[in-house]
Amino acid sequence: MKAILEFNLPEDQTEYQMVNDTSKMFSVIWDMKQWLRSQTKYAPDSMSDDTYKAFEECREKLNELLADNRVDLDQ
């Protein structure tokens, strides 16, 4: 099976760039997800409860947004 995306440049330049940048966006989101995970998993004893909860809330929100948009980073 093949999928071919076609753009009329320069009119569709924005859409074209978005498609070309998806792998970079994926990588950024993956890195952010892993960073948030490490902030809670390896939290130092000196981390305040408020800071820990803030990391947890951010992590949960990111996962919620990914799920709501049917984005699976584990493929």
N, C-alpha and C. Protein backbone atom coordinates (compact mmCIF):
# COMPACT_ATOMS: atom_id res chain seq x y z
N MET A 1 0.85 -1.17 0.00
CA MET A 1 0.00 0.00 0.00
C MET A 1 0.89 1.23 0.00
N LYS A 2 0.48 2.22 -0.75
CA LYS A 2 1.21 3.48 -0.83
C LYS A 2 0.28 4.62 -0.43
N ALA A 3 0.89 5.62 0.14
CA ALA A 3 0.17 6.86 0.44
C ALA A 3 1.02 8.00 -0.13
N ILE A 4 0.41 8.80 -0.92
CA ILE A 4 1.12 9.92 -1.53
C ILE A 4 0.44 11.22 -1.11
N LEU A 5 1.22 12.09 -0.53
CA LEU A 5 0.73 13.42 -0.15
C LEU A 5 1.18 14.40 -1.22
N GLU A 6 0.27 15.23 -1.64
CA GLU A 6 0.58 16.17 -2.70
C GLU A 6 0.25 17.58 -2.24
N PHE A 7 1.14 18.50 -2.51
CA PHE A 7 0.96 19.89 -2.10
C PHE A 7 1.16 20.80 -3.29
N ASN A 8 0.43 21.88 -3.29
CA ASN A 8 0.62 22.93 -4.29
C ASN A 8 1.46 24.03 -3.64
N LEU A 9 2.74 24.00 -3.97
CA LEU A 9 3.66 24.98 -3.39
C LEU A 9 3.74 26.19 -4.32
N PRO A 10 3.85 27.36 -3.82
CA PRO A 10 4.07 27.75 -2.43
C PRO A 10 2.79 27.95 -1.62
N GLU A 11 1.61 27.79 -2.24
CA GLU A 11 0.35 28.04 -1.52
C GLU A 11 0.20 27.17 -0.28
N ASP A 12 0.61 25.91 -0.36
CA ASP A 12 0.44 24.97 0.75
C ASP A 12 1.72 24.81 1.58
N GLN A 13 2.57 25.82 1.57
CA GLN A 13 3.86 25.73 2.26
C GLN A 13 3.70 25.38 3.74
N THR A 14 2.73 25.99 4.42
CA THR A 14 2.53 25.74 5.86
C THR A 14 2.17 24.28 6.11
N GLU A 15 1.22 23.77 5.34
CA GLU A 15 0.81 22.37 5.49
C GLU A 15 1.97 21.42 5.14
N TYR A 16 2.68 21.75 4.09
CA TYR A 16 3.84 20.95 3.68
C TYR A 16 4.88 20.88 4.80
N GLN A 17 5.16 22.03 5.41
CA GLN A 17 6.15 22.07 6.49
C GLN A 17 5.68 21.29 7.71
N MET A 18 4.39 21.37 8.01
CA MET A 18 3.85 20.62 9.14
C MET A 18 4.05 19.12 8.93
N VAL A 19 3.75 18.64 7.74
CA VAL A 19 3.92 17.22 7.44
C VAL A 19 5.39 16.82 7.53
N ASN A 20 6.27 17.65 7.04
CA ASN A 20 7.70 17.34 7.09
C ASN A 20 8.28 17.39 8.49
N ASP A 21 7.64 18.14 9.38
CA ASP A 21 8.14 18.28 10.75
C ASP A 21 7.52 17.29 11.74
N THR A 22 6.64 16.41 11.28
CA THR A 22 5.96 15.52 12.23
C THR A 22 6.91 14.61 12.99
N SER A 23 7.96 14.13 12.36
CA SER A 23 8.88 13.26 13.09
C SER A 23 9.62 14.04 14.18
N LYS A 24 9.91 15.30 13.92
CA LYS A 24 10.54 16.15 14.94
C LYS A 24 9.56 16.40 16.09
N MET A 25 8.30 16.67 15.74
CA MET A 25 7.28 16.91 16.76
C MET A 25 7.09 15.66 17.62
N PHE A 26 7.05 14.50 16.98
CA PHE A 26 6.92 13.24 17.70
C PHE A 26 8.07 13.10 18.69
N SER A 27 9.27 13.38 18.23
CA SER A 27 10.45 13.26 19.09
C SER A 27 10.39 14.21 20.28
N VAL A 28 9.95 15.43 20.05
CA VAL A 28 9.83 16.41 21.13
C VAL A 28 8.81 15.95 22.17
N ILE A 29 7.67 15.48 21.71
CA ILE A 29 6.62 15.01 22.63
C ILE A 29 7.12 13.79 23.41
N TRP A 30 7.77 12.86 22.72
CA TRP A 30 8.32 11.67 23.38
C TRP A 30 9.34 12.08 24.45
N ASP A 31 10.25 12.98 24.09
CA ASP A 31 11.26 13.44 25.05
C ASP A 31 10.62 14.11 26.26
N MET A 32 9.59 14.92 26.01
CA MET A 32 8.91 15.60 27.12
C MET A 32 8.21 14.59 28.03
N LYS A 33 7.57 13.61 27.42
CA LYS A 33 6.90 12.58 28.20
C LYS A 33 7.90 11.82 29.08
N GLN A 34 9.05 11.47 28.51
CA GLN A 34 10.07 10.75 29.26
C GLN A 34 10.69 11.62 30.35
N TRP A 35 10.88 12.90 30.05
CA TRP A 35 11.44 13.82 31.04
C TRP A 35 10.49 13.97 32.23
N LEU A 36 9.21 14.15 31.95
CA LEU A 36 8.23 14.27 33.04
C LEU A 36 8.20 12.99 33.88
N ARG A 37 8.29 11.86 33.22
CA ARG A 37 8.31 10.58 33.93
C ARG A 37 9.53 10.50 34.86
N SER A 38 10.68 10.89 34.35
CA SER A 38 11.89 10.81 35.17
C SER A 38 11.87 11.79 36.34
N GLN A 39 11.20 12.92 36.16
CA GLN A 39 11.13 13.90 37.25
C GLN A 39 10.37 13.35 38.46
N THR A 40 9.40 12.48 38.19
CA THR A 40 8.64 11.90 39.30
C THR A 40 9.25 10.57 39.76
N LYS A 41 9.71 9.77 38.81
CA LYS A 41 10.26 8.47 39.18
C LYS A 41 11.55 8.60 39.98
N TYR A 42 12.37 9.57 39.61
CA TYR A 42 13.65 9.75 40.28
C TYR A 42 13.70 11.07 41.06
N ALA A 43 12.56 11.44 41.61
CA ALA A 43 12.47 12.71 42.35
C ALA A 43 13.39 12.66 43.57
N PRO A 44 14.19 13.70 43.75
CA PRO A 44 15.05 13.74 44.94
C PRO A 44 14.20 13.96 46.19
N ASP A 45 14.72 13.52 47.31
CA ASP A 45 14.00 13.71 48.58
C ASP A 45 13.77 15.18 48.88
N SER A 46 14.60 16.03 48.33
CA SER A 46 14.48 17.46 48.59
C SER A 46 13.36 18.13 47.79
N MET A 47 12.76 17.40 46.84
CA MET A 47 11.69 17.98 46.03
C MET A 47 10.45 18.18 46.89
N SER A 48 9.87 19.36 46.79
CA SER A 48 8.67 19.64 47.57
C SER A 48 7.49 18.85 47.02
N ASP A 49 6.50 18.64 47.89
CA ASP A 49 5.28 17.94 47.47
C ASP A 49 4.57 18.71 46.37
N ASP A 50 4.58 20.03 46.46
CA ASP A 50 3.92 20.85 45.43
C ASP A 50 4.59 20.68 44.07
N THR A 51 5.91 20.64 44.07
CA THR A 51 6.64 20.46 42.81
C THR A 51 6.35 19.08 42.23
N TYR A 52 6.38 18.07 43.09
CA TYR A 52 6.09 16.71 42.64
C TYR A 52 4.69 16.64 42.05
N LYS A 53 3.72 17.23 42.72
CA LYS A 53 2.33 17.22 42.23
C LYS A 53 2.21 17.97 40.91
N ALA A 54 2.97 19.05 40.75
CA ALA A 54 2.94 19.81 39.49
C ALA A 54 3.46 18.94 38.34
N PHE A 55 4.55 18.21 38.57
CA PHE A 55 5.07 17.31 37.54
C PHE A 55 4.04 16.23 37.21
N GLU A 56 3.42 15.67 38.23
CA GLU A 56 2.39 14.65 38.02
C GLU A 56 1.22 15.19 37.22
N GLU A 57 0.76 16.40 37.55
CA GLU A 57 -0.36 17.00 36.82
C GLU A 57 0.01 17.23 35.35
N CYS A 58 1.22 17.71 35.11
CA CYS A 58 1.67 17.93 33.73
C CYS A 58 1.73 16.61 32.97
N ARG A 59 2.25 15.61 33.62
CA ARG A 59 2.35 14.28 33.00
C ARG A 59 0.97 13.72 32.67
N GLU A 60 0.06 13.82 33.62
CA GLU A 60 -1.31 13.34 33.40
C GLU A 60 -1.99 14.11 32.28
N LYS A 61 -1.80 15.43 32.24
CA LYS A 61 -2.43 16.25 31.21
C LYS A 61 -1.87 15.89 29.83
N LEU A 62 -0.57 15.71 29.73
CA LEU A 62 0.03 15.32 28.46
C LEU A 62 -0.53 13.98 27.99
N ASN A 63 -0.61 13.01 28.89
CA ASN A 63 -1.16 11.70 28.53
C ASN A 63 -2.63 11.80 28.15
N GLU A 64 -3.37 12.65 28.83
CA GLU A 64 -4.78 12.87 28.50
C GLU A 64 -4.92 13.46 27.09
N LEU A 65 -4.12 14.48 26.79
CA LEU A 65 -4.18 15.10 25.47
C LEU A 65 -3.80 14.10 24.37
N LEU A 66 -2.80 13.29 24.63
CA LEU A 66 -2.40 12.28 23.66
C LEU A 66 -3.53 11.29 23.43
N ALA A 67 -4.15 10.83 24.51
CA ALA A 67 -5.25 9.87 24.40
C ALA A 67 -6.45 10.49 23.70
N ASP A 68 -6.79 11.71 24.06
CA ASP A 68 -7.94 12.39 23.44
C ASP A 68 -7.77 12.54 21.94
N ASN A 69 -6.53 12.70 21.51
CA ASN A 69 -6.24 12.89 20.09
C ASN A 69 -5.78 11.61 19.41
N ARG A 70 -5.91 10.50 20.13
CA ARG A 70 -5.54 9.18 19.62
C ARG A 70 -4.11 9.13 19.09
N VAL A 71 -3.23 9.72 19.87
CA VAL A 71 -1.81 9.69 19.53
C VAL A 71 -1.14 8.66 20.43
N ASP A 72 -0.58 7.63 19.79
CA ASP A 72 0.08 6.56 20.52
C ASP A 72 1.57 6.66 20.25
N LEU A 73 2.32 7.03 21.26
CA LEU A 73 3.76 7.19 21.10
C LEU A 73 4.50 5.86 21.21
N ASP A 74 3.79 4.81 21.58
CA ASP A 74 4.43 3.50 21.82
C ASP A 74 4.33 2.58 20.62
N GLN A 75 4.10 3.11 19.45
CA GLN A 75 3.99 2.26 18.26
C GLN A 75 5.33 1.83 17.78
